[in-house]
């Protein structure tokens, strides 16, 4: 987790958690098991942050294969997408949100972020 927090700091992103680790922290009840993954949550402000985040998470995952990192990237429109799926750069990717799930293209996801100069 230190490497994940360092990555978030380097990218100026807050690292959030959900799932079993969050429930354990919040309740004090043991939810994390030996094979549990760590569900992470990120809210990048720019598409370039998304790209750097994906590169960094893949590197951390390769270095620390004992704990599986999973999680979501929150989009400016309130949707969320699995960082692992996003890293594969598929033609279409499922985005979940307040109104359900729908497939979108990478181009549509990039367009959600402000233009960079």
Protein backbone atom coordinates (compact mmCIF):
# COMPACT_ATOMS: atom_id res chain seq x y z
CA UNK A 1 0.00 0.00 0.00
CA UNK A 2 2.95 2.32 0.56
CA UNK A 3 3.73 2.21 -3.18
CA UNK A 4 0.09 2.92 -4.06
CA UNK A 5 -0.01 5.89 -1.69
CA UNK A 6 3.31 7.15 -3.10
CA UNK A 7 1.88 6.87 -6.62
CA UNK A 8 -1.19 8.86 -5.60
CA UNK A 9 1.02 11.50 -3.98
CA UNK A 10 3.25 11.74 -7.06
CA UNK A 11 0.17 12.24 -9.26
CA UNK A 12 -1.56 14.51 -6.72
CA UNK A 13 -4.47 12.05 -6.45
CA UNK A 14 -6.21 10.94 -3.29
CA UNK A 15 -6.22 7.16 -2.96
CA UNK A 16 -9.49 5.80 -1.66
CA UNK A 17 -10.44 2.24 -0.80
CA UNK A 18 -13.71 0.34 -0.84
CA UNK A 19 -14.70 -3.27 -0.42
CA UNK A 20 -13.37 -5.57 2.29
CA UNK A 21 -10.47 -3.33 3.36
CA UNK A 22 -12.78 -0.33 3.81
CA UNK A 23 -15.36 -2.38 5.70
CA UNK A 24 -12.69 -3.77 8.00
CA UNK A 25 -11.25 -0.33 8.70
CA UNK A 26 -14.68 1.18 9.30
CA UNK A 27 -16.16 -1.59 11.45
CA UNK A 28 -13.18 -3.24 13.11
CA UNK A 29 -14.60 -6.58 11.99
CA UNK A 30 -12.14 -8.76 10.04
CA UNK A 31 -13.29 -8.74 6.39
CA UNK A 32 -9.90 -9.05 4.68
CA UNK A 33 -8.92 -12.64 3.93
CA UNK A 34 -5.61 -14.04 2.62
CA UNK A 35 -6.92 -14.01 -0.97
CA UNK A 36 -8.76 -10.67 -0.73
CA UNK A 37 -7.93 -8.04 -3.29
CA UNK A 38 -7.53 -4.38 -2.45
CA UNK A 39 -10.20 -2.23 -4.09
CA UNK A 40 -8.82 1.22 -4.86
CA UNK A 41 -10.61 4.39 -5.92
CA UNK A 42 -9.09 7.30 -7.85
CA UNK A 43 -10.54 10.57 -9.16
CA UNK A 44 -8.13 11.99 -11.75
CA UNK A 45 -8.69 15.52 -13.05
CA UNK A 46 -7.09 15.08 -16.50
CA UNK A 47 -6.80 12.25 -19.01
CA UNK A 48 -3.01 12.45 -18.75
CA UNK A 49 -3.42 11.66 -15.02
CA UNK A 50 -5.44 8.58 -15.99
CA UNK A 51 -2.67 7.39 -18.31
CA UNK A 52 0.06 7.96 -15.72
CA UNK A 53 -2.08 6.28 -13.04
CA UNK A 54 -2.63 3.17 -15.18
CA UNK A 55 1.08 2.91 -15.96
CA UNK A 56 1.95 3.30 -12.27
CA UNK A 57 -0.65 0.80 -11.04
CA UNK A 58 0.54 -1.81 -13.52
CA UNK A 59 4.12 -1.30 -12.30
CA UNK A 60 3.11 -1.60 -8.63
CA UNK A 61 1.06 -4.72 -9.40
CA UNK A 62 4.05 -6.37 -11.10
CA UNK A 63 6.34 -5.58 -8.14
CA UNK A 64 3.89 -6.77 -5.50
CA UNK A 65 2.10 -9.81 -6.83
CA UNK A 66 1.13 -11.06 -3.35
CA UNK A 67 -1.86 -8.71 -3.05
CA UNK A 68 -4.08 -8.17 -6.09
CA UNK A 69 -4.86 -4.51 -6.70
CA UNK A 70 -8.26 -3.82 -8.18
CA UNK A 71 -10.53 -0.82 -8.24
CA UNK A 72 -12.08 1.99 -10.17
CA UNK A 73 -11.30 5.27 -11.82
CA UNK A 74 -14.07 7.80 -11.20
CA UNK A 75 -15.01 9.83 -14.26
CA UNK A 76 -16.04 13.51 -14.35
CA UNK A 77 -19.64 12.56 -15.22
CA UNK A 78 -20.04 10.35 -12.13
CA UNK A 79 -19.36 7.06 -13.89
CA UNK A 80 -16.68 4.60 -12.85
CA UNK A 81 -14.55 2.16 -14.79
CA UNK A 82 -12.27 -0.66 -13.72
CA UNK A 83 -8.67 0.50 -13.96
CA UNK A 84 -7.60 -2.98 -15.09
CA UNK A 85 -10.09 -2.94 -17.96
CA UNK A 86 -9.15 0.61 -18.88
CA UNK A 87 -5.46 -0.32 -18.98
CA UNK A 88 -6.22 -2.88 -21.71
CA UNK A 89 -7.50 -0.05 -23.94
CA UNK A 90 -10.39 -2.03 -25.40
CA UNK A 91 -12.51 -0.58 -28.19
CA UNK A 92 -15.48 -0.48 -25.81
CA UNK A 93 -15.47 -0.56 -22.03
CA UNK A 94 -18.28 -0.93 -19.50
CA UNK A 95 -18.86 2.11 -17.34
CA UNK A 96 -21.03 1.90 -14.24
CA UNK A 97 -22.83 4.89 -12.84
CA UNK A 98 -25.89 6.17 -11.03
CA UNK A 99 -28.14 5.13 -13.93
CA UNK A 100 -26.69 1.65 -14.46
CA UNK A 101 -23.97 0.34 -16.75
CA UNK A 102 -23.32 1.12 -20.39
CA UNK A 103 -20.55 0.49 -22.91
CA UNK A 104 -18.50 3.49 -24.04
CA UNK A 105 -15.50 4.04 -26.25
CA UNK A 106 -12.14 5.29 -25.02
CA UNK A 107 -12.70 8.38 -27.14
CA UNK A 108 -15.92 9.10 -25.23
CA UNK A 109 -14.11 8.65 -21.91
CA UNK A 110 -11.26 10.96 -22.93
CA UNK A 111 -13.79 13.61 -23.98
CA UNK A 112 -15.17 13.73 -20.44
CA UNK A 113 -11.94 15.30 -19.19
CA UNK A 114 -10.97 18.93 -19.81
CA UNK A 115 -8.75 19.63 -22.79
CA UNK A 116 -5.06 19.86 -21.97
CA UNK A 117 -2.73 22.43 -23.42
